[in-house]
Amino acid sequence: MKIISEPLRIFSIDIPNKEWYPLRISRWFMWGNKMDYLNTWGFYLGFMGRDDELVDDECREAFYSIKPHGKVFHCTNVNGEMLTIEYGEKRFKVNSKLYRLAEEPKFKVGDLVEIIEKNIGGRIEDVFWHIKNAEPYYTLEVQGRKSGRWYKDRDLKKRE
């Protein structure tokens, strides 16, 4: 992550101009200006009906069909204010205004994993970001059905 123009400020309350905005990274609040989001991981805070103009017209329907709020995306391209973010095999173009940084999850959508306490294999169905705990959590597809439980990194291991 690079700060392009202004210096990094931690817990700053002296906001020099209206372009500064808060970003939550792990458990720290940082103030940044004009972030370089390329190859970062983050979550998108957009809601259908309220933030439609921030999602590209060509992918808006597909984007909202996955219920994106809180899911962890990978930013693969930056073009001005627009970001190309990926969720599994799906790609979307969104405005950077509602994109918030998060740590890279240990497991990605589609990864084969094993639930440690049950010795049962499954596939990562969804990756979410828990804002309060600043960590990812996962839902799985186990034996062809979506699990009703959320799993954390410590509950899973990569299946070989």
N, C-alpha and C. Protein backbone atom coordinates (compact mmCIF):
# COMPACT_ATOMS: atom_id res chain seq x y z
N MET A 1 0.85 -1.17 0.00
CA MET A 1 0.00 0.00 0.00
C MET A 1 0.89 1.22 0.00
N LYS A 2 0.58 2.21 -0.86
CA LYS A 2 1.37 3.43 -0.95
C LYS A 2 0.47 4.63 -0.75
N ILE A 3 0.97 5.61 -0.05
CA ILE A 3 0.29 6.90 0.04
C ILE A 3 0.94 7.76 -1.03
N ILE A 4 0.15 8.26 -1.97
CA ILE A 4 0.72 8.93 -3.12
C ILE A 4 1.11 10.38 -2.85
N SER A 5 0.25 11.13 -2.16
CA SER A 5 0.58 12.55 -2.04
C SER A 5 0.85 13.01 -0.61
N GLU A 6 -0.07 12.80 0.29
CA GLU A 6 0.07 13.33 1.64
C GLU A 6 0.73 12.31 2.56
N PRO A 7 1.35 12.76 3.65
CA PRO A 7 1.96 11.83 4.61
C PRO A 7 0.89 11.06 5.38
N LEU A 8 1.28 9.93 5.91
CA LEU A 8 0.40 9.07 6.69
C LEU A 8 0.16 9.68 8.06
N ARG A 9 -1.09 9.68 8.51
CA ARG A 9 -1.42 10.19 9.83
C ARG A 9 -2.20 9.12 10.57
N ILE A 10 -1.81 8.85 11.79
CA ILE A 10 -2.50 7.86 12.61
C ILE A 10 -3.27 8.58 13.70
N PHE A 11 -4.56 8.27 13.84
CA PHE A 11 -5.45 8.89 14.81
C PHE A 11 -5.45 10.41 14.71
N SER A 12 -5.42 10.90 13.50
CA SER A 12 -5.39 12.35 13.29
C SER A 12 -6.78 12.95 13.46
N ILE A 13 -6.86 14.06 14.16
CA ILE A 13 -8.12 14.77 14.22
C ILE A 13 -8.01 16.11 13.50
N ASP A 14 -6.79 16.48 13.11
CA ASP A 14 -6.57 17.70 12.35
C ASP A 14 -6.67 17.35 10.87
N ILE A 15 -7.84 17.51 10.28
CA ILE A 15 -8.07 17.14 8.89
C ILE A 15 -7.83 18.38 8.03
N PRO A 16 -6.75 18.38 7.23
CA PRO A 16 -6.39 19.58 6.49
C PRO A 16 -7.32 19.95 5.34
N ASN A 17 -8.00 18.98 4.74
CA ASN A 17 -8.94 19.30 3.67
C ASN A 17 -10.04 18.25 3.62
N LYS A 18 -11.04 18.49 2.79
CA LYS A 18 -12.20 17.60 2.75
C LYS A 18 -11.95 16.31 1.99
N GLU A 19 -10.79 16.16 1.35
CA GLU A 19 -10.50 14.94 0.61
C GLU A 19 -10.03 13.80 1.52
N TRP A 20 -9.67 14.10 2.74
CA TRP A 20 -9.20 13.06 3.67
C TRP A 20 -10.38 12.23 4.13
N TYR A 21 -10.16 10.96 4.27
CA TYR A 21 -11.23 10.07 4.71
C TYR A 21 -10.63 8.95 5.55
N PRO A 22 -11.41 8.37 6.46
CA PRO A 22 -10.87 7.30 7.33
C PRO A 22 -10.88 5.96 6.62
N LEU A 23 -9.86 5.16 6.83
CA LEU A 23 -9.78 3.79 6.34
C LEU A 23 -9.48 2.90 7.52
N ARG A 24 -10.18 1.81 7.64
CA ARG A 24 -9.89 0.88 8.73
C ARG A 24 -8.97 -0.20 8.20
N ILE A 25 -7.80 -0.31 8.79
CA ILE A 25 -6.86 -1.35 8.42
C ILE A 25 -6.54 -2.10 9.69
N SER A 26 -6.88 -3.37 9.72
CA SER A 26 -6.69 -4.20 10.90
C SER A 26 -7.38 -3.52 12.09
N ARG A 27 -6.68 -3.27 13.18
CA ARG A 27 -7.29 -2.63 14.35
C ARG A 27 -6.93 -1.15 14.45
N TRP A 28 -6.27 -0.60 13.45
CA TRP A 28 -5.82 0.79 13.49
C TRP A 28 -6.62 1.63 12.52
N PHE A 29 -6.90 2.85 12.92
CA PHE A 29 -7.52 3.80 12.00
C PHE A 29 -6.41 4.65 11.41
N MET A 30 -6.41 4.77 10.09
CA MET A 30 -5.38 5.55 9.43
C MET A 30 -6.08 6.55 8.52
N TRP A 31 -5.50 7.68 8.37
CA TRP A 31 -6.03 8.70 7.48
C TRP A 31 -5.13 8.75 6.26
N GLY A 32 -5.73 8.64 5.10
CA GLY A 32 -4.92 8.64 3.90
C GLY A 32 -5.57 9.43 2.80
N ASN A 33 -4.81 9.75 1.79
CA ASN A 33 -5.30 10.53 0.66
C ASN A 33 -4.81 9.86 -0.61
N LYS A 34 -5.71 9.58 -1.53
CA LYS A 34 -5.36 9.03 -2.83
C LYS A 34 -4.54 7.74 -2.69
N MET A 35 -5.15 6.72 -2.13
CA MET A 35 -4.48 5.45 -1.91
C MET A 35 -4.26 4.73 -3.24
N ASP A 36 -3.23 3.92 -3.28
CA ASP A 36 -3.00 3.03 -4.41
C ASP A 36 -3.55 1.66 -4.00
N TYR A 37 -4.71 1.30 -4.53
CA TYR A 37 -5.40 0.08 -4.11
C TYR A 37 -4.99 -1.17 -4.87
N LEU A 38 -4.14 -1.06 -5.86
CA LEU A 38 -3.76 -2.19 -6.69
C LEU A 38 -3.21 -3.33 -5.83
N ASN A 39 -3.72 -4.53 -6.05
CA ASN A 39 -3.32 -5.76 -5.34
C ASN A 39 -3.61 -5.71 -3.84
N THR A 40 -4.61 -4.97 -3.44
CA THR A 40 -5.02 -4.96 -2.04
C THR A 40 -6.26 -5.82 -1.87
N TRP A 41 -6.58 -6.12 -0.63
CA TRP A 41 -7.80 -6.84 -0.28
C TRP A 41 -8.66 -5.90 0.52
N GLY A 42 -9.96 -5.99 0.33
CA GLY A 42 -10.84 -5.10 1.06
C GLY A 42 -12.29 -5.52 0.95
N PHE A 43 -13.14 -4.76 1.61
CA PHE A 43 -14.58 -5.01 1.54
C PHE A 43 -15.25 -3.77 1.01
N TYR A 44 -16.44 -3.94 0.44
CA TYR A 44 -17.15 -2.84 -0.20
C TYR A 44 -18.44 -2.58 0.56
N LEU A 45 -18.68 -1.31 0.88
CA LEU A 45 -19.82 -0.95 1.74
C LEU A 45 -21.06 -0.49 0.98
N GLY A 46 -21.15 -0.82 -0.29
CA GLY A 46 -22.29 -0.37 -1.09
C GLY A 46 -23.55 -1.18 -0.88
N PHE A 47 -24.69 -0.49 -1.00
CA PHE A 47 -25.99 -1.13 -0.91
C PHE A 47 -26.81 -0.84 -2.17
N MET A 48 -27.56 -1.85 -2.63
CA MET A 48 -28.42 -1.68 -3.79
C MET A 48 -29.48 -0.63 -3.48
N GLY A 49 -29.72 0.24 -4.45
CA GLY A 49 -30.72 1.27 -4.30
C GLY A 49 -30.16 2.56 -3.73
N ARG A 50 -29.13 2.47 -2.91
CA ARG A 50 -28.54 3.66 -2.31
C ARG A 50 -27.25 4.08 -3.02
N ASP A 51 -26.45 3.10 -3.44
CA ASP A 51 -25.12 3.38 -4.00
C ASP A 51 -24.98 2.88 -5.44
N ASP A 52 -26.08 2.78 -6.17
CA ASP A 52 -26.05 2.21 -7.52
C ASP A 52 -25.11 2.94 -8.46
N GLU A 53 -25.02 4.26 -8.33
CA GLU A 53 -24.20 5.05 -9.26
C GLU A 53 -22.70 4.79 -9.06
N LEU A 54 -22.32 4.13 -7.98
CA LEU A 54 -20.91 3.84 -7.71
C LEU A 54 -20.46 2.50 -8.29
N VAL A 55 -21.37 1.76 -8.88
CA VAL A 55 -21.06 0.48 -9.51
C VAL A 55 -21.30 0.62 -11.01
N ASP A 56 -20.35 0.12 -11.81
CA ASP A 56 -20.46 0.21 -13.26
C ASP A 56 -21.76 -0.41 -13.76
N ASP A 57 -22.41 0.25 -14.73
CA ASP A 57 -23.71 -0.21 -15.26
C ASP A 57 -23.67 -1.64 -15.77
N GLU A 58 -22.56 -2.03 -16.42
CA GLU A 58 -22.46 -3.35 -17.04
C GLU A 58 -22.45 -4.50 -16.03
N CYS A 59 -21.99 -4.23 -14.82
CA CYS A 59 -21.89 -5.32 -13.84
C CYS A 59 -22.74 -5.10 -12.59
N ARG A 60 -23.56 -4.07 -12.59
CA ARG A 60 -24.34 -3.72 -11.39
C ARG A 60 -25.25 -4.86 -10.92
N GLU A 61 -25.99 -5.44 -11.83
CA GLU A 61 -26.93 -6.50 -11.46
C GLU A 61 -26.19 -7.72 -10.89
N ALA A 62 -25.10 -8.11 -11.55
CA ALA A 62 -24.32 -9.26 -11.06
C ALA A 62 -23.67 -8.96 -9.72
N PHE A 63 -23.21 -7.72 -9.55
CA PHE A 63 -22.57 -7.32 -8.30
C PHE A 63 -23.54 -7.42 -7.12
N TYR A 64 -24.71 -6.86 -7.27
CA TYR A 64 -25.67 -6.89 -6.17
C TYR A 64 -26.31 -8.27 -5.98
N SER A 65 -26.23 -9.13 -7.00
CA SER A 65 -26.79 -10.48 -6.85
C SER A 65 -25.97 -11.33 -5.88
N ILE A 66 -24.70 -11.00 -5.68
CA ILE A 66 -23.88 -11.77 -4.73
C ILE A 66 -23.98 -11.22 -3.30
N LYS A 67 -24.81 -10.18 -3.11
CA LYS A 67 -24.96 -9.53 -1.79
C LYS A 67 -23.58 -9.15 -1.25
N PRO A 68 -22.96 -8.13 -1.84
CA PRO A 68 -21.54 -7.83 -1.61
C PRO A 68 -21.18 -7.23 -0.26
N HIS A 69 -22.13 -6.68 0.46
CA HIS A 69 -21.79 -5.94 1.69
C HIS A 69 -21.06 -6.84 2.69
N GLY A 70 -19.82 -6.48 3.00
CA GLY A 70 -19.03 -7.22 3.97
C GLY A 70 -18.17 -8.32 3.40
N LYS A 71 -18.33 -8.66 2.13
CA LYS A 71 -17.51 -9.70 1.52
C LYS A 71 -16.13 -9.14 1.18
N VAL A 72 -15.13 -10.02 1.19
CA VAL A 72 -13.75 -9.61 0.94
C VAL A 72 -13.42 -9.78 -0.54
N PHE A 73 -12.99 -8.68 -1.17
CA PHE A 73 -12.65 -8.64 -2.59
C PHE A 73 -11.15 -8.41 -2.76
N HIS A 74 -10.65 -8.79 -3.93
CA HIS A 74 -9.26 -8.52 -4.30
C HIS A 74 -9.27 -7.47 -5.41
N CYS A 75 -8.56 -6.37 -5.21
CA CYS A 75 -8.50 -5.31 -6.21
C CYS A 75 -7.39 -5.65 -7.21
N THR A 76 -7.76 -5.84 -8.48
CA THR A 76 -6.78 -6.25 -9.49
C THR A 76 -6.44 -5.16 -10.50
N ASN A 77 -7.19 -4.05 -10.49
CA ASN A 77 -6.90 -2.97 -11.43
C ASN A 77 -7.45 -1.66 -10.88
N VAL A 78 -6.72 -0.58 -11.16
CA VAL A 78 -7.16 0.75 -10.76
C VAL A 78 -7.12 1.64 -11.99
N ASN A 79 -8.25 2.30 -12.27
CA ASN A 79 -8.32 3.22 -13.40
C ASN A 79 -8.99 4.49 -12.90
N GLY A 80 -8.18 5.43 -12.42
CA GLY A 80 -8.72 6.65 -11.84
C GLY A 80 -9.44 6.33 -10.55
N GLU A 81 -10.72 6.72 -10.47
CA GLU A 81 -11.54 6.45 -9.29
C GLU A 81 -12.14 5.04 -9.31
N MET A 82 -12.09 4.38 -10.47
CA MET A 82 -12.72 3.07 -10.62
C MET A 82 -11.74 1.94 -10.32
N LEU A 83 -12.24 0.94 -9.58
CA LEU A 83 -11.45 -0.24 -9.23
C LEU A 83 -12.07 -1.47 -9.90
N THR A 84 -11.24 -2.40 -10.30
CA THR A 84 -11.73 -3.72 -10.70
C THR A 84 -11.47 -4.63 -9.52
N ILE A 85 -12.54 -5.16 -8.95
CA ILE A 85 -12.42 -6.04 -7.80
C ILE A 85 -12.93 -7.43 -8.17
N GLU A 86 -12.31 -8.44 -7.60
CA GLU A 86 -12.67 -9.83 -7.90
C GLU A 86 -13.18 -10.52 -6.65
N TYR A 87 -14.16 -11.38 -6.87
CA TYR A 87 -14.68 -12.25 -5.81
C TYR A 87 -14.78 -13.63 -6.42
N GLY A 88 -13.84 -14.49 -6.09
CA GLY A 88 -13.76 -15.79 -6.75
C GLY A 88 -13.42 -15.56 -8.21
N GLU A 89 -14.24 -16.07 -9.11
CA GLU A 89 -14.03 -15.91 -10.55
C GLU A 89 -14.75 -14.68 -11.11
N LYS A 90 -15.51 -13.98 -10.29
CA LYS A 90 -16.32 -12.85 -10.77
C LYS A 90 -15.56 -11.54 -10.63
N ARG A 91 -15.73 -10.67 -11.64
CA ARG A 91 -15.08 -9.36 -11.65
C ARG A 91 -16.12 -8.25 -11.73
N PHE A 92 -15.83 -7.17 -11.01
CA PHE A 92 -16.74 -6.03 -10.98
C PHE A 92 -15.95 -4.73 -11.02
N LYS A 93 -16.56 -3.69 -11.61
CA LYS A 93 -15.95 -2.36 -11.62
C LYS A 93 -16.77 -1.47 -10.70
N VAL A 94 -16.08 -0.91 -9.69
CA VAL A 94 -16.75 -0.08 -8.70
C VAL A 94 -15.93 1.17 -8.42
N ASN A 95 -16.59 2.18 -7.88
CA ASN A 95 -15.91 3.39 -7.47
C ASN A 95 -15.18 3.12 -6.15
N SER A 96 -14.03 3.72 -5.98
CA SER A 96 -13.21 3.47 -4.79
C SER A 96 -13.76 4.12 -3.52
N LYS A 97 -14.78 4.95 -3.66
CA LYS A 97 -15.32 5.70 -2.52
C LYS A 97 -15.74 4.82 -1.34
N LEU A 98 -16.31 3.65 -1.61
CA LEU A 98 -16.82 2.78 -0.55
C LEU A 98 -15.96 1.53 -0.31
N TYR A 99 -14.77 1.49 -0.89
CA TYR A 99 -13.86 0.36 -0.72
C TYR A 99 -13.00 0.58 0.52
N ARG A 100 -12.98 -0.39 1.43
CA ARG A 100 -12.19 -0.29 2.65
C ARG A 100 -11.19 -1.44 2.70
N LEU A 101 -9.98 -1.14 3.10
CA LEU A 101 -8.91 -2.13 3.12
C LEU A 101 -9.10 -3.14 4.24
N ALA A 102 -8.65 -4.36 3.97
CA ALA A 102 -8.66 -5.45 4.95
C ALA A 102 -7.42 -6.30 4.70
N GLU A 103 -7.12 -7.16 5.62
CA GLU A 103 -5.98 -8.06 5.43
C GLU A 103 -6.36 -9.16 4.45
N GLU A 104 -5.35 -9.69 3.77
CA GLU A 104 -5.59 -10.79 2.84
C GLU A 104 -6.07 -12.01 3.62
N PRO A 105 -7.18 -12.61 3.21
CA PRO A 105 -7.66 -13.80 3.92
C PRO A 105 -6.76 -15.00 3.64
N LYS A 106 -6.68 -15.89 4.61
CA LYS A 106 -5.86 -17.10 4.47
C LYS A 106 -6.45 -18.02 3.41
N PHE A 107 -7.78 -18.06 3.33
CA PHE A 107 -8.48 -18.90 2.36
C PHE A 107 -9.29 -18.03 1.42
N LYS A 108 -9.39 -18.45 0.16
CA LYS A 108 -10.11 -17.68 -0.85
C LYS A 108 -11.35 -18.45 -1.29
N VAL A 109 -12.27 -17.76 -1.95
CA VAL A 109 -13.49 -18.39 -2.48
C VAL A 109 -13.07 -19.54 -3.41
N GLY A 110 -13.66 -20.71 -3.18
CA GLY A 110 -13.37 -21.88 -4.01
C GLY A 110 -12.30 -22.80 -3.45
N ASP A 111 -11.53 -22.36 -2.45
CA ASP A 111 -10.48 -23.20 -1.86
C ASP A 111 -11.10 -24.42 -1.18
N LEU A 112 -10.41 -25.55 -1.30
CA LEU A 112 -10.82 -26.77 -0.59
C LEU A 112 -10.17 -26.76 0.77
N VAL A 113 -10.98 -26.94 1.81
CA VAL A 113 -10.49 -26.89 3.18
C VAL A 113 -11.04 -28.07 3.98
N GLU A 114 -10.47 -28.25 5.17
CA GLU A 114 -10.97 -29.26 6.09
C GLU A 114 -11.31 -28.59 7.40
N ILE A 115 -12.46 -28.95 7.96
CA ILE A 115 -12.86 -28.43 9.27
C ILE A 115 -12.09 -29.25 10.30
N ILE A 116 -11.22 -28.61 11.04
CA ILE A 116 -10.28 -29.30 11.93
C ILE A 116 -10.99 -30.17 12.97
N GLU A 117 -11.99 -29.63 13.65
CA GLU A 117 -12.61 -30.40 14.75
C GLU A 117 -13.50 -31.55 14.27
N LYS A 118 -13.91 -31.53 13.00
CA LYS A 118 -14.81 -32.57 12.51
C LYS A 118 -14.17 -33.50 11.49
N ASN A 119 -12.99 -33.15 10.98
CA ASN A 119 -12.32 -33.91 9.92
C ASN A 119 -13.22 -34.09 8.70
N ILE A 120 -13.96 -33.04 8.36
CA ILE A 120 -14.84 -33.05 7.19
C ILE A 120 -14.32 -32.02 6.20
N GLY A 121 -14.30 -32.40 4.93
CA GLY A 121 -13.84 -31.49 3.89
C GLY A 121 -14.97 -30.63 3.37
N GLY A 122 -14.61 -29.48 2.84
CA GLY A 122 -15.58 -28.57 2.25
C GLY A 122 -14.89 -27.58 1.32
N ARG A 123 -15.70 -26.70 0.74
CA ARG A 123 -15.19 -25.68 -0.17
C ARG A 123 -15.62 -24.32 0.35
N ILE A 124 -14.72 -23.34 0.30
CA ILE A 124 -15.04 -21.98 0.75
C ILE A 124 -16.12 -21.41 -0.17
N GLU A 125 -17.26 -21.10 0.38
CA GLU A 125 -18.39 -20.53 -0.37
C GLU A 125 -18.32 -19.00 -0.38
N ASP A 126 -18.10 -18.40 0.80
CA ASP A 126 -18.03 -16.95 0.94
C ASP A 126 -16.96 -16.56 1.95
N VAL A 127 -16.36 -15.38 1.71
CA VAL A 127 -15.38 -14.81 2.63
C VAL A 127 -15.90 -13.44 3.04
N PHE A 128 -16.09 -13.25 4.34
CA PHE A 128 -16.59 -11.98 4.88
C PHE A 128 -15.52 -11.35 5.77
N TRP A 129 -15.67 -10.05 6.02
CA TRP A 129 -14.78 -9.34 6.93
C TRP A 129 -15.56 -8.94 8.18
N HIS A 130 -15.08 -9.36 9.34
CA HIS A 130 -15.70 -8.99 10.61
C HIS A 130 -15.06 -7.68 11.05
N ILE A 131 -15.78 -6.58 10.94
CA ILE A 131 -15.22 -5.26 11.19
C ILE A 131 -14.77 -5.12 12.65
N LYS A 132 -15.58 -5.54 13.59
CA LYS A 132 -15.24 -5.37 15.00
C LYS A 132 -14.00 -6.16 15.39
N ASN A 133 -13.91 -7.41 14.94
CA ASN A 133 -12.77 -8.26 15.29
C ASN A 133 -11.60 -8.11 14.32
N ALA A 134 -11.80 -7.38 13.23
CA ALA A 134 -10.77 -7.16 12.21
C ALA A 134 -10.15 -8.46 11.73
N GLU A 135 -11.01 -9.40 11.31
CA GLU A 135 -10.54 -10.68 10.80
C GLU A 135 -11.57 -11.26 9.83
N PRO A 136 -11.11 -12.13 8.92
CA PRO A 136 -12.06 -12.76 8.00
C PRO A 136 -12.79 -13.91 8.66
N TYR A 137 -13.97 -14.20 8.13
CA TYR A 137 -14.68 -15.42 8.51
C TYR A 137 -15.30 -15.99 7.25
N TYR A 138 -15.59 -17.27 7.28
CA TYR A 138 -15.94 -18.02 6.07
C TYR A 138 -17.23 -18.80 6.25
N THR A 139 -17.95 -18.98 5.14
CA THR A 139 -19.01 -19.98 5.09
C THR A 139 -18.57 -21.03 4.09
N LEU A 140 -18.97 -22.26 4.32
CA LEU A 140 -18.51 -23.38 3.50
C LEU A 140 -19.66 -24.09 2.81
N GLU A 141 -19.31 -24.79 1.77
CA GLU A 141 -20.21 -25.77 1.17
C GLU A 141 -19.66 -27.13 1.59
N VAL A 142 -20.46 -27.87 2.36
CA VAL A 142 -20.04 -29.18 2.88
C VAL A 142 -21.03 -30.22 2.39
N GLN A 143 -20.52 -31.24 1.74
CA GLN A 143 -21.33 -32.33 1.20
C GLN A 143 -22.48 -31.80 0.35
N GLY A 144 -22.20 -30.81 -0.49
CA GLY A 144 -23.19 -30.27 -1.41
C GLY A 144 -24.17 -29.28 -0.82
N ARG A 145 -24.05 -28.97 0.48
CA ARG A 145 -24.97 -28.02 1.12
C ARG A 145 -24.19 -26.89 1.77
N LYS A 146 -24.79 -25.70 1.78
CA LYS A 146 -24.15 -24.56 2.42
C LYS A 146 -24.24 -24.72 3.93
N SER A 147 -23.09 -24.56 4.60
CA SER A 147 -23.07 -24.70 6.05
C SER A 147 -23.77 -23.51 6.69
N GLY A 148 -24.35 -23.72 7.83
CA GLY A 148 -25.02 -22.64 8.55
C GLY A 148 -24.12 -21.98 9.58
N ARG A 149 -22.87 -22.37 9.62
CA ARG A 149 -21.93 -21.85 10.62
C ARG A 149 -20.87 -20.98 9.96
N TRP A 150 -20.36 -20.04 10.74
CA TRP A 150 -19.22 -19.23 10.29
C TRP A 150 -17.95 -19.84 10.86
N TYR A 151 -16.91 -19.87 10.04
CA TYR A 151 -15.63 -20.43 10.46
C TYR A 151 -14.56 -19.36 10.40
N LYS A 152 -13.61 -19.45 11.32
CA LYS A 152 -12.46 -18.54 11.33
C LYS A 152 -11.24 -19.31 10.85
N ASP A 153 -10.14 -18.59 10.65
CA ASP A 153 -8.90 -19.22 10.18
C ASP A 153 -8.49 -20.41 11.05
N ARG A 154 -8.61 -20.25 12.36
CA ARG A 154 -8.17 -21.30 13.29
C ARG A 154 -9.02 -22.57 13.21
N ASP A 155 -10.22 -22.49 12.61
CA ASP A 155 -11.12 -23.64 12.51
C ASP A 155 -10.86 -24.49 11.27
N LEU A 156 -10.06 -23.96 10.32
CA LEU A 156 -9.90 -24.60 9.02
C LEU A 156 -8.44 -24.85 8.70
N LYS A 157 -8.21 -25.83 7.84
CA LYS A 157 -6.88 -26.01 7.26
C LYS A 157 -7.03 -26.37 5.80
N LYS A 158 -6.03 -26.05 5.01
CA LYS A 158 -6.03 -26.30 3.57
C LYS A 158 -6.09 -27.80 3.34
N ARG A 159 -6.94 -28.19 2.42
CA ARG A 159 -7.09 -29.62 2.10
C ARG A 159 -6.05 -29.99 1.04
N GLU A 160 -5.43 -31.12 1.24
CA GLU A 160 -4.38 -31.55 0.30
C GLU A 160 -4.82 -32.65 -0.60
